Amino acid sequence: IYELDINLMLVIYLVAIAAEAMSGALAAGRRNM
């Protein structure tokens, strides 16, 4: 479980920054950037 957690946190981090980047792009689109 501990080893899985280490790998999971990296995956979660990568998914998180991708999702946040997409939310930022949508916000930019609403401002016609």
PDB file of all heavy atoms in Angstrom:
ATOM      1  N   ILE A   1       0.840  -1.197   0.000  1.00  0.00           N
ATOM      2  CA  ILE A   1       0.000   0.000   0.000  1.00  0.00           C
ATOM      3  C   ILE A   1       0.874   1.245   0.000  1.00  0.00           C
ATOM      4  O   ILE A   1       0.611   2.210  -0.710  1.00  0.00           O
ATOM      5  CB  ILE A   1      -0.938   0.004   1.225  1.00  0.00           C
ATOM      6  CG1 ILE A   1      -1.889  -1.198   1.155  1.00  0.00           C
ATOM      7  CG2 ILE A   1      -1.722   1.299   1.312  1.00  0.00           C
ATOM      8  CD1 ILE A   1      -2.813  -1.311   2.342  1.00  0.00           C
ATOM      9  N   TYR A   2       1.947   1.228   0.790  1.00  0.00           N
ATOM     10  CA  TYR A   2       2.843   2.378   0.842  1.00  0.00           C
ATOM     11  C   TYR A   2       3.477   2.649  -0.522  1.00  0.00           C
ATOM     12  O   TYR A   2       3.560   3.772  -0.986  1.00  0.00           O
ATOM     13  CB  TYR A   2       3.952   2.150   1.877  1.00  0.00           C
ATOM     14  CG  TYR A   2       3.480   1.976   3.291  1.00  0.00           C
ATOM     15  CD1 TYR A   2       4.267   1.344   4.245  1.00  0.00           C
ATOM     16  CD2 TYR A   2       2.236   2.475   3.693  1.00  0.00           C
ATOM     17  CE1 TYR A   2       3.847   1.203   5.555  1.00  0.00           C
ATOM     18  CE2 TYR A   2       1.804   2.335   5.008  1.00  0.00           C
ATOM     19  CZ  TYR A   2       2.607   1.699   5.929  1.00  0.00           C
ATOM     20  OH  TYR A   2       2.201   1.559   7.227  1.00  0.00           O
ATOM     21  N   GLU A   3       3.949   1.567  -1.168  1.00  0.00           N
ATOM     22  CA  GLU A   3       4.562   1.722  -2.481  1.00  0.00           C
ATOM     23  C   GLU A   3       3.549   2.233  -3.491  1.00  0.00           C
ATOM     24  O   GLU A   3       3.853   3.075  -4.340  1.00  0.00           O
ATOM     25  CB  GLU A   3       5.144   0.381  -2.937  1.00  0.00           C
ATOM     26  CG  GLU A   3       6.326  -0.069  -2.071  1.00  0.00           C
ATOM     27  CD  GLU A   3       6.816  -1.448  -2.441  1.00  0.00           C
ATOM     28  OE1 GLU A   3       6.154  -2.073  -3.299  1.00  0.00           O
ATOM     29  OE2 GLU A   3       7.845  -1.890  -1.911  1.00  0.00           O
ATOM     30  N   LEU A   4       2.320   1.740  -3.417  1.00  0.00           N
ATOM     31  CA  LEU A   4       1.269   2.189  -4.312  1.00  0.00           C
ATOM     32  C   LEU A   4       0.995   3.667  -4.089  1.00  0.00           C
ATOM     33  O   LEU A   4       0.792   4.430  -5.037  1.00  0.00           O
ATOM     34  CB  LEU A   4      -0.012   1.382  -4.069  1.00  0.00           C
ATOM     35  CG  LEU A   4      -1.256   1.794  -4.878  1.00  0.00           C
ATOM     36  CD1 LEU A   4      -1.003   1.607  -6.365  1.00  0.00           C
ATOM     37  CD2 LEU A   4      -2.474   0.994  -4.444  1.00  0.00           C
ATOM     38  N   ASP A   5       1.041   4.105  -2.821  1.00  0.00           N
ATOM     39  CA  ASP A   5       0.777   5.500  -2.500  1.00  0.00           C
ATOM     40  C   ASP A   5       1.789   6.421  -3.158  1.00  0.00           C
ATOM     41  O   ASP A   5       1.453   7.465  -3.701  1.00  0.00           O
ATOM     42  CB  ASP A   5       0.805   5.689  -0.983  1.00  0.00           C
ATOM     43  CG  ASP A   5       0.707   7.156  -0.572  1.00  0.00           C
ATOM     44  OD1 ASP A   5      -0.286   7.793  -0.959  1.00  0.00           O
ATOM     45  OD2 ASP A   5       1.626   7.636   0.099  1.00  0.00           O
ATOM     46  N   ILE A   6       3.077   6.024  -3.123  1.00  0.00           N
ATOM     47  CA  ILE A   6       4.113   6.846  -3.722  1.00  0.00           C
ATOM     48  C   ILE A   6       3.846   7.031  -5.210  1.00  0.00           C
ATOM     49  O   ILE A   6       3.912   8.132  -5.746  1.00  0.00           O
ATOM     50  CB  ILE A   6       5.503   6.218  -3.481  1.00  0.00           C
ATOM     51  CG1 ILE A   6       5.832   6.227  -1.975  1.00  0.00           C
ATOM     52  CG2 ILE A   6       6.568   6.956  -4.273  1.00  0.00           C
ATOM     53  CD1 ILE A   6       7.085   5.468  -1.632  1.00  0.00           C
ATOM     54  N   ASN A   7       3.523   5.931  -5.910  1.00  0.00           N
ATOM     55  CA  ASN A   7       3.234   6.005  -7.330  1.00  0.00           C
ATOM     56  C   ASN A   7       1.951   6.776  -7.584  1.00  0.00           C
ATOM     57  O   ASN A   7       1.860   7.552  -8.535  1.00  0.00           O
ATOM     58  CB  ASN A   7       3.137   4.599  -7.922  1.00  0.00           C
ATOM     59  CG  ASN A   7       4.460   3.851  -7.840  1.00  0.00           C
ATOM     60  OD1 ASN A   7       5.516   4.467  -7.918  1.00  0.00           O
ATOM     61  ND2 ASN A   7       4.411   2.550  -7.664  1.00  0.00           N
ATOM     62  N   LEU A   8       0.957   6.554  -6.742  1.00  0.00           N
ATOM     63  CA  LEU A   8      -0.323   7.225  -6.904  1.00  0.00           C
ATOM     64  C   LEU A   8      -0.181   8.733  -6.764  1.00  0.00           C
ATOM     65  O   LEU A   8      -0.799   9.483  -7.521  1.00  0.00           O
ATOM     66  CB  LEU A   8      -1.326   6.715  -5.863  1.00  0.00           C
ATOM     67  CG  LEU A   8      -2.262   5.593  -6.297  1.00  0.00           C
ATOM     68  CD1 LEU A   8      -3.201   5.234  -5.161  1.00  0.00           C
ATOM     69  CD2 LEU A   8      -3.041   5.979  -7.536  1.00  0.00           C
ATOM     70  N   MET A   9       0.620   9.201  -5.824  1.00  0.00           N
ATOM     71  CA  MET A   9       0.763  10.628  -5.625  1.00  0.00           C
ATOM     72  C   MET A   9       1.371  11.300  -6.851  1.00  0.00           C
ATOM     73  O   MET A   9       0.984  12.409  -7.215  1.00  0.00           O
ATOM     74  CB  MET A   9       1.603  10.921  -4.387  1.00  0.00           C
ATOM     75  CG  MET A   9       0.867  10.731  -3.078  1.00  0.00           C
ATOM     76  SD  MET A   9      -0.682  11.686  -2.978  1.00  0.00           S
ATOM     77  CE  MET A   9      -0.063  13.362  -3.060  1.00  0.00           C
ATOM     78  N   LEU A  10       2.310  10.629  -7.500  1.00  0.00           N
ATOM     79  CA  LEU A  10       2.887  11.198  -8.717  1.00  0.00           C
ATOM     80  C   LEU A  10       1.839  11.258  -9.820  1.00  0.00           C
ATOM     81  O   LEU A  10       1.710  12.281 -10.508  1.00  0.00           O
ATOM     82  CB  LEU A  10       4.085  10.363  -9.176  1.00  0.00           C
ATOM     83  CG  LEU A  10       4.708  10.788 -10.513  1.00  0.00           C
ATOM     84  CD1 LEU A  10       5.185  12.235 -10.441  1.00  0.00           C
ATOM     85  CD2 LEU A  10       5.847   9.848 -10.897  1.00  0.00           C
ATOM     86  N   VAL A  11       1.076  10.170  -9.966  1.00  0.00           N
ATOM     87  CA  VAL A  11       0.021  10.146 -10.983  1.00  0.00           C
ATOM     88  C   VAL A  11      -1.018  11.219 -10.689  1.00  0.00           C
ATOM     89  O   VAL A  11      -1.454  11.967 -11.579  1.00  0.00           O
ATOM     90  CB  VAL A  11      -0.643   8.754 -11.048  1.00  0.00           C
ATOM     91  CG1 VAL A  11      -1.867   8.782 -11.957  1.00  0.00           C
ATOM     92  CG2 VAL A  11       0.353   7.721 -11.544  1.00  0.00           C
ATOM     93  N   ILE A  12      -1.418  11.310  -9.417  1.00  0.00           N
ATOM     94  CA  ILE A  12      -2.413  12.308  -9.017  1.00  0.00           C
ATOM     95  C   ILE A  12      -1.893  13.718  -9.288  1.00  0.00           C
ATOM     96  O   ILE A  12      -2.631  14.585  -9.766  1.00  0.00           O
ATOM     97  CB  ILE A  12      -2.780  12.140  -7.533  1.00  0.00           C
ATOM     98  CG1 ILE A  12      -3.601  10.859  -7.342  1.00  0.00           C
ATOM     99  CG2 ILE A  12      -3.560  13.346  -7.012  1.00  0.00           C
ATOM    100  CD1 ILE A  12      -3.789  10.472  -5.897  1.00  0.00           C
ATOM    101  N   TYR A  13      -0.609  13.945  -9.016  1.00  0.00           N
ATOM    102  CA  TYR A  13      -0.037  15.263  -9.264  1.00  0.00           C
ATOM    103  C   TYR A  13      -0.077  15.614 -10.746  1.00  0.00           C
ATOM    104  O   TYR A  13      -0.454  16.733 -11.122  1.00  0.00           O
ATOM    105  CB  TYR A  13       1.402  15.300  -8.759  1.00  0.00           C
ATOM    106  CG  TYR A  13       2.106  16.605  -9.066  1.00  0.00           C
ATOM    107  CD1 TYR A  13       1.802  17.760  -8.361  1.00  0.00           C
ATOM    108  CD2 TYR A  13       3.057  16.681 -10.078  1.00  0.00           C
ATOM    109  CE1 TYR A  13       2.426  18.968  -8.652  1.00  0.00           C
ATOM    110  CE2 TYR A  13       3.691  17.880 -10.376  1.00  0.00           C
ATOM    111  CZ  TYR A  13       3.370  19.013  -9.657  1.00  0.00           C
ATOM    112  OH  TYR A  13       3.982  20.193  -9.958  1.00  0.00           O
ATOM    113  N   LEU A  14       0.288  14.657 -11.592  1.00  0.00           N
ATOM    114  CA  LEU A  14       0.284  14.911 -13.035  1.00  0.00           C
ATOM    115  C   LEU A  14      -1.139  15.156 -13.543  1.00  0.00           C
ATOM    116  O   LEU A  14      -1.372  16.056 -14.354  1.00  0.00           O
ATOM    117  CB  LEU A  14       0.920  13.731 -13.775  1.00  0.00           C
ATOM    118  CG  LEU A  14       2.413  13.496 -13.485  1.00  0.00           C
ATOM    119  CD1 LEU A  14       2.908  12.260 -14.221  1.00  0.00           C
ATOM    120  CD2 LEU A  14       3.241  14.717 -13.887  1.00  0.00           C
ATOM    121  N   VAL A  15      -2.078  14.348 -13.056  1.00  0.00           N
ATOM    122  CA  VAL A  15      -3.477  14.559 -13.440  1.00  0.00           C
ATOM    123  C   VAL A  15      -3.956  15.919 -12.939  1.00  0.00           C
ATOM    124  O   VAL A  15      -4.664  16.642 -13.650  1.00  0.00           O
ATOM    125  CB  VAL A  15      -4.363  13.427 -12.879  1.00  0.00           C
ATOM    126  CG1 VAL A  15      -5.842  13.755 -13.075  1.00  0.00           C
ATOM    127  CG2 VAL A  15      -4.030  12.104 -13.558  1.00  0.00           C
ATOM    128  N   ALA A  16      -3.541  16.275 -11.735  1.00  0.00           N
ATOM    129  CA  ALA A  16      -3.993  17.531 -11.132  1.00  0.00           C
ATOM    130  C   ALA A  16      -3.494  18.738 -11.911  1.00  0.00           C
ATOM    131  O   ALA A  16      -4.268  19.667 -12.195  1.00  0.00           O
ATOM    132  CB  ALA A  16      -3.517  17.610  -9.681  1.00  0.00           C
ATOM    133  N   ILE A  17      -2.203  18.759 -12.281  1.00  0.00           N
ATOM    134  CA  ILE A  17      -1.698  19.929 -12.999  1.00  0.00           C
ATOM    135  C   ILE A  17      -2.306  20.006 -14.399  1.00  0.00           C
ATOM    136  O   ILE A  17      -2.543  21.103 -14.914  1.00  0.00           O
ATOM    137  CB  ILE A  17      -0.154  19.971 -13.051  1.00  0.00           C
ATOM    138  CG1 ILE A  17       0.427  18.751 -13.764  1.00  0.00           C
ATOM    139  CG2 ILE A  17       0.419  20.120 -11.653  1.00  0.00           C
ATOM    140  CD1 ILE A  17       1.948  18.836 -13.935  1.00  0.00           C
ATOM    141  N   ALA A  18      -2.591  18.852 -14.991  1.00  0.00           N
ATOM    142  CA  ALA A  18      -3.247  18.865 -16.301  1.00  0.00           C
ATOM    143  C   ALA A  18      -4.666  19.414 -16.179  1.00  0.00           C
ATOM    144  O   ALA A  18      -5.106  20.236 -17.005  1.00  0.00           O
ATOM    145  CB  ALA A  18      -3.260  17.460 -16.897  1.00  0.00           C
ATOM    146  N   ALA A  19      -5.386  18.966 -15.155  1.00  0.00           N
ATOM    147  CA  ALA A  19      -6.754  19.441 -14.954  1.00  0.00           C
ATOM    148  C   ALA A  19      -6.787  20.928 -14.642  1.00  0.00           C
ATOM    149  O   ALA A  19      -7.640  21.673 -15.153  1.00  0.00           O
ATOM    150  CB  ALA A  19      -7.421  18.651 -13.825  1.00  0.00           C
ATOM    151  N   GLU A  20      -5.846  21.402 -13.812  1.00  0.00           N
ATOM    152  CA  GLU A  20      -5.795  22.822 -13.482  1.00  0.00           C
ATOM    153  C   GLU A  20      -5.440  23.647 -14.708  1.00  0.00           C
ATOM    154  O   GLU A  20      -5.964  24.760 -14.898  1.00  0.00           O
ATOM    155  CB  GLU A  20      -4.779  23.063 -12.365  1.00  0.00           C
ATOM    156  CG  GLU A  20      -5.162  22.468 -11.023  1.00  0.00           C
ATOM    157  CD  GLU A  20      -6.448  23.063 -10.483  1.00  0.00           C
ATOM    158  OE1 GLU A  20      -6.596  24.294 -10.516  1.00  0.00           O
ATOM    159  OE2 GLU A  20      -7.321  22.292 -10.053  1.00  0.00           O
ATOM    160  N   ALA A  21      -4.548  23.124 -15.547  1.00  0.00           N
ATOM    161  CA  ALA A  21      -4.205  23.828 -16.777  1.00  0.00           C
ATOM    162  C   ALA A  21      -5.434  23.962 -17.682  1.00  0.00           C
ATOM    163  O   ALA A  21      -5.656  25.014 -18.303  1.00  0.00           O
ATOM    164  CB  ALA A  21      -3.093  23.082 -17.515  1.00  0.00           C
ATOM    165  N   MET A  22      -6.245  22.930 -17.750  1.00  0.00           N
ATOM    166  CA  MET A  22      -7.451  22.969 -18.581  1.00  0.00           C
ATOM    167  C   MET A  22      -8.465  23.959 -18.017  1.00  0.00           C
ATOM    168  O   MET A  22      -9.128  24.690 -18.770  1.00  0.00           O
ATOM    169  CB  MET A  22      -8.039  21.566 -18.706  1.00  0.00           C
ATOM    170  CG  MET A  22      -7.113  20.593 -19.407  1.00  0.00           C
ATOM    171  SD  MET A  22      -7.760  18.918 -19.585  1.00  0.00           S
ATOM    172  CE  MET A  22      -8.659  19.061 -21.112  1.00  0.00           C
ATOM    173  N   SER A  23      -8.570  24.013 -16.690  1.00  0.00           N
ATOM    174  CA  SER A  23      -9.492  24.985 -16.093  1.00  0.00           C
ATOM    175  C   SER A  23      -9.008  26.403 -16.372  1.00  0.00           C
ATOM    176  O   SER A  23      -9.805  27.325 -16.605  1.00  0.00           O
ATOM    177  CB  SER A  23      -9.627  24.744 -14.585  1.00  0.00           C
ATOM    178  OG  SER A  23      -8.486  25.184 -13.876  1.00  0.00           O
ATOM    179  N   GLY A  24      -7.688  26.599 -16.365  1.00  0.00           N
ATOM    180  CA  GLY A  24      -7.142  27.910 -16.699  1.00  0.00           C
ATOM    181  C   GLY A  24      -7.414  28.282 -18.148  1.00  0.00           C
ATOM    182  O   GLY A  24      -7.747  29.436 -18.452  1.00  0.00           O
ATOM    183  N   ALA A  25      -7.281  27.314 -19.044  1.00  0.00           N
ATOM    184  CA  ALA A  25      -7.553  27.570 -20.458  1.00  0.00           C
ATOM    185  C   ALA A  25      -9.010  27.946 -20.674  1.00  0.00           C
ATOM    186  O   ALA A  25      -9.327  28.841 -21.476  1.00  0.00           O
ATOM    187  CB  ALA A  25      -7.183  26.337 -21.280  1.00  0.00           C
ATOM    188  N   LEU A  26      -9.913  27.279 -19.982  1.00  0.00           N
ATOM    189  CA  LEU A  26     -11.337  27.613 -20.106  1.00  0.00           C
ATOM    190  C   LEU A  26     -11.612  29.033 -19.613  1.00  0.00           C
ATOM    191  O   LEU A  26     -12.393  29.778 -20.222  1.00  0.00           O
ATOM    192  CB  LEU A  26     -12.183  26.605 -19.320  1.00  0.00           C
ATOM    193  CG  LEU A  26     -12.246  25.186 -19.890  1.00  0.00           C
ATOM    194  CD1 LEU A  26     -12.990  24.262 -18.933  1.00  0.00           C
ATOM    195  CD2 LEU A  26     -12.910  25.175 -21.260  1.00  0.00           C
ATOM    196  N   ALA A  27     -10.971  29.407 -18.505  1.00  0.00           N
ATOM    197  CA  ALA A  27     -11.143  30.767 -17.986  1.00  0.00           C
ATOM    198  C   ALA A  27     -10.616  31.788 -18.990  1.00  0.00           C
ATOM    199  O   ALA A  27     -11.223  32.844 -19.200  1.00  0.00           O
ATOM    200  CB  ALA A  27     -10.418  30.912 -16.649  1.00  0.00           C
ATOM    201  N   ALA A  28      -9.487  31.477 -19.634  1.00  0.00           N
ATOM    202  CA  ALA A  28      -8.936  32.370 -20.653  1.00  0.00           C
ATOM    203  C   ALA A  28      -9.876  32.477 -21.844  1.00  0.00           C
ATOM    204  O   ALA A  28     -10.049  33.557 -22.425  1.00  0.00           O
ATOM    205  CB  ALA A  28      -7.562  31.865 -21.098  1.00  0.00           C
ATOM    206  N   GLY A  29     -10.492  31.342 -22.212  1.00  0.00           N
ATOM    207  CA  GLY A  29     -11.435  31.357 -23.322  1.00  0.00           C
ATOM    208  C   GLY A  29     -12.646  32.212 -23.049  1.00  0.00           C
ATOM    209  O   GLY A  29     -13.170  32.879 -23.957  1.00  0.00           O
ATOM    210  N   ARG A  30     -13.092  32.235 -21.800  1.00  0.00           N
ATOM    211  CA  ARG A  30     -14.237  33.079 -21.452  1.00  0.00           C
ATOM    212  C   ARG A  30     -13.895  34.561 -21.542  1.00  0.00           C
ATOM    213  O   ARG A  30     -14.789  35.408 -21.603  1.00  0.00           O
ATOM    214  CB  ARG A  30     -14.737  32.714 -20.050  1.00  0.00           C
ATOM    215  CG  ARG A  30     -15.503  31.389 -19.997  1.00  0.00           C
ATOM    216  CD  ARG A  30     -16.223  31.209 -18.670  1.00  0.00           C
ATOM    217  NE  ARG A  30     -15.310  30.949 -17.586  1.00  0.00           N
ATOM    218  CZ  ARG A  30     -14.913  29.732 -17.208  1.00  0.00           C
ATOM    219  NH1 ARG A  30     -15.371  28.669 -17.855  1.00  0.00           N
ATOM    220  NH2 ARG A  30     -14.088  29.566 -16.195  1.00  0.00           N
ATOM    221  N   ARG A  31     -12.591  34.868 -21.547  1.00  0.00           N
ATOM    222  CA  ARG A  31     -12.143  36.262 -21.701  1.00  0.00           C
ATOM    223  C   ARG A  31     -11.626  36.526 -23.117  1.00  0.00           C
ATOM    224  O   ARG A  31     -10.986  37.554 -23.370  1.00  0.00           O
ATOM    225  CB  ARG A  31     -11.050  36.575 -20.682  1.00  0.00           C
ATOM    226  CG  ARG A  31     -11.555  36.628 -19.248  1.00  0.00           C
ATOM    227  CD  ARG A  31     -12.569  37.742 -19.078  1.00  0.00           C
ATOM    228  NE  ARG A  31     -13.087  37.799 -17.712  1.00  0.00           N
ATOM    229  CZ  ARG A  31     -13.965  38.699 -17.295  1.00  0.00           C
ATOM    230  NH1 ARG A  31     -14.427  39.601 -18.144  1.00  0.00           N
ATOM    231  NH2 ARG A  31     -14.412  38.688 -16.056  1.00  0.00           N
ATOM    232  N   ASN A  32     -11.863  35.587 -24.039  1.00  0.00           N
ATOM    233  CA  ASN A  32     -11.499  35.759 -25.446  1.00  0.00           C
ATOM    234  C   ASN A  32     -10.007  36.025 -25.646  1.00  0.00           C
ATOM    235  O   ASN A  32      -9.621  36.879 -26.463  1.00  0.00           O
ATOM    236  CB  ASN A  32     -12.321  36.898 -26.084  1.00  0.00           C
ATOM    237  CG  ASN A  32     -13.811  36.631 -26.034  1.00  0.00           C
ATOM    238  OD1 ASN A  32     -14.269  35.533 -26.381  1.00  0.00           O
ATOM    239  ND2 ASN A  32     -14.582  37.612 -25.591  1.00  0.00           N
ATOM    240  N   MET A  33      -9.174  35.310 -24.918  1.00  0.00           N
ATOM    241  CA  MET A  33      -7.732  35.480 -25.061  1.00  0.00           C
ATOM    242  C   MET A  33      -7.222  34.700 -26.271  1.00  0.00           C
ATOM    243  O   MET A  33      -7.840  33.726 -26.720  1.00  0.00           O
ATOM    244  CB  MET A  33      -7.011  35.005 -23.795  1.00  0.00           C
ATOM    245  CG  MET A  33      -7.318  35.836 -22.569  1.00  0.00           C
ATOM    246  SD  MET A  33      -6.280  35.367 -21.158  1.00  0.00           S
ATOM    247  CE  MET A  33      -6.986  36.397 -19.870  1.00  0.00           C
TER     248      MET A  33
END
